C-alpha atoms as a PDB file:
ATOM      1  CA  MET A   1    -126.400-113.932 -51.882  1.00  0.00           C
ATOM      2  CA  ARG A   2    -126.226-116.337 -48.966  1.00  0.00           C
ATOM      3  CA  ILE A   3    -123.380-118.647 -48.149  1.00  0.00           C
ATOM      4  CA  ASP A   4    -124.467-121.983 -46.712  1.00  0.00           C
ATOM      5  CA  ARG A   5    -123.297-121.616 -43.121  1.00  0.00           C
ATOM      6  CA  VAL A   6    -122.981-125.374 -42.573  1.00  0.00           C
ATOM      7  CA  LYS A   7    -120.785-125.786 -45.651  1.00  0.00           C
ATOM      8  CA  LEU A   8    -118.699-122.755 -44.685  1.00  0.00           C
ATOM      9  CA  ILE A   9    -118.167-123.897 -41.104  1.00  0.00           C
ATOM     10  CA  ALA A  10    -117.338-127.440 -42.274  1.00  0.00           C
ATOM     11  CA  GLU A  11    -114.794-126.156 -44.810  1.00  0.00           C
ATOM     12  CA  MET A  12    -113.218-123.874 -42.214  1.00  0.00           C
ATOM     13  CA  ALA A  13    -112.974-126.750 -39.738  1.00  0.00           C
ATOM     14  CA  GLN A  14    -111.525-129.102 -42.352  1.00  0.00           C
ATOM     15  CA  GLN A  15    -108.828-126.544 -43.184  1.00  0.00           C
ATOM     16  CA  ASP A  16    -108.392-125.524 -39.517  1.00  0.00           C
ATOM     17  CA  ILE A  17    -109.019-121.850 -40.347  1.00  0.00           C
ATOM     18  CA  THR A  18    -110.392-119.404 -37.776  1.00  0.00           C
ATOM     19  CA  SER A  19    -112.802-116.595 -38.603  1.00  0.00           C
ATOM     20  CA  ILE A  20    -110.036-114.071 -38.007  1.00  0.00           C
ATOM     21  CA  ARG A  21    -107.644-115.882 -40.340  1.00  0.00           C
ATOM     22  CA  LEU A  22    -110.326-116.297 -43.018  1.00  0.00           C
ATOM     23  CA  ALA A  23    -111.125-112.589 -42.818  1.00  0.00           C
ATOM     24  CA  GLU A  24    -107.429-111.755 -43.295  1.00  0.00           C
ATOM     25  CA  MET A  25    -107.058-114.177 -46.205  1.00  0.00           C
ATOM     26  CA  ALA A  26    -110.249-112.970 -47.912  1.00  0.00           C
ATOM     27  CA  GLY A  27    -109.601-109.276 -47.340  1.00  0.00           C
ATOM     28  CA  VAL A  28    -112.886-108.745 -45.526  1.00  0.00           C
ATOM     29  CA  SER A  29    -113.651-107.804 -41.937  1.00  0.00           C
ATOM     30  CA  ARG A  30    -113.994-110.305 -39.118  1.00  0.00           C
ATOM     31  CA  VAL A  31    -117.501-108.927 -38.583  1.00  0.00           C
ATOM     32  CA  THR A  32    -118.372-109.840 -42.185  1.00  0.00           C
ATOM     33  CA  VAL A  33    -117.115-113.413 -41.735  1.00  0.00           C
ATOM     34  CA  SER A  34    -119.034-113.682 -38.466  1.00  0.00           C
ATOM     35  CA  ALA A  35    -122.232-112.413 -40.104  1.00  0.00           C
ATOM     36  CA  VAL A  36    -121.900-114.868 -42.998  1.00  0.00           C
ATOM     37  CA  ARG A  37    -121.261-117.715 -40.546  1.00  0.00           C
ATOM     38  CA  CYS A  38    -124.521-116.764 -38.816  1.00  0.00           C
ATOM     39  CA  GLY A  39    -126.477-116.977 -42.068  1.00  0.00           C
ATOM     40  CA  LYS A  40    -126.619-113.317 -43.095  1.00  0.00           C
ATOM     41  CA  ALA A  41    -126.614-112.421 -46.783  1.00  0.00           C
ATOM     42  CA  CYS A  42    -123.500-110.967 -48.377  1.00  0.00           C
ATOM     43  CA  ALA A  43    -122.535-109.336 -51.642  1.00  0.00           C
ATOM     44  CA  PRO A  44    -121.501-111.696 -54.466  1.00  0.00           C
ATOM     45  CA  VAL A  45    -118.015-110.173 -54.411  1.00  0.00           C
ATOM     46  CA  THR A  46    -117.693-111.079 -50.719  1.00  0.00           C
ATOM     47  CA  ALA A  47    -118.779-114.661 -51.404  1.00  0.00           C
ATOM     48  CA  ARG A  48    -116.154-114.886 -54.166  1.00  0.00           C
ATOM     49  CA  LYS A  49    -113.436-113.536 -51.857  1.00  0.00           C
ATOM     50  CA  ILE A  50    -114.304-116.030 -49.126  1.00  0.00           C
ATOM     51  CA  ALA A  51    -114.419-118.935 -51.575  1.00  0.00           C
ATOM     52  CA  ALA A  52    -111.085-117.900 -53.090  1.00  0.00           C
ATOM     53  CA  ALA A  53    -109.506-117.661 -49.635  1.00  0.00           C
ATOM     54  CA  LEU A  54    -110.714-121.199 -48.916  1.00  0.00           C
ATOM     55  CA  GLY A  55    -109.568-122.399 -52.329  1.00  0.00           C
ATOM     56  CA  VAL A  56    -113.004-123.704 -53.274  1.00  0.00           C
ATOM     57  CA  PRO A  57    -115.447-122.793 -56.060  1.00  0.00           C
ATOM     58  CA  VAL A  58    -118.026-120.266 -54.911  1.00  0.00           C
ATOM     59  CA  ASP A  59    -120.790-122.652 -56.041  1.00  0.00           C
ATOM     60  CA  SER A  60    -119.634-125.161 -53.437  1.00  0.00           C
ATOM     61  CA  ILE A  61    -120.409-122.837 -50.520  1.00  0.00           C
ATOM     62  CA  ILE A  62    -123.413-120.782 -51.632  1.00  0.00           C
ATOM     63  CA  LYS A  63    -126.852-121.668 -50.365  1.00  0.00           C
ATOM     64  CA  LYS A  64    -129.026-123.179 -53.044  1.00  0.00           C
ATOM     65  CA  GLU A  65    -132.378-121.436 -53.136  1.00  0.00           C
ATOM     66  CA  VAL A  66    -135.420-123.698 -53.300  1.00  0.00           C
ATOM     67  CA  ASN A  67    -138.242-122.447 -55.499  1.00  0.00           C
ATOM     68  CA  HIS A  68    -141.711-123.434 -54.354  1.00  0.00           C
ATOM     69  CA  ALA A  69    -143.734-123.136 -57.516  1.00  0.00           C
END
């Protein structure tokens, strides 16, 4: 699962939350938050933890996959 890095960074900026603080709030490592911010995939449970820490629905920060059919 990929979190939309632009949405994540915007939400963090809006709430004035650093990567370190988000990691603490979400119960994940700072390295994990950094990786997600850089566009790396994460486990669904990690996405849920990050969304919960931000107080937003997980659907609002995940990257929507585009199907080219």
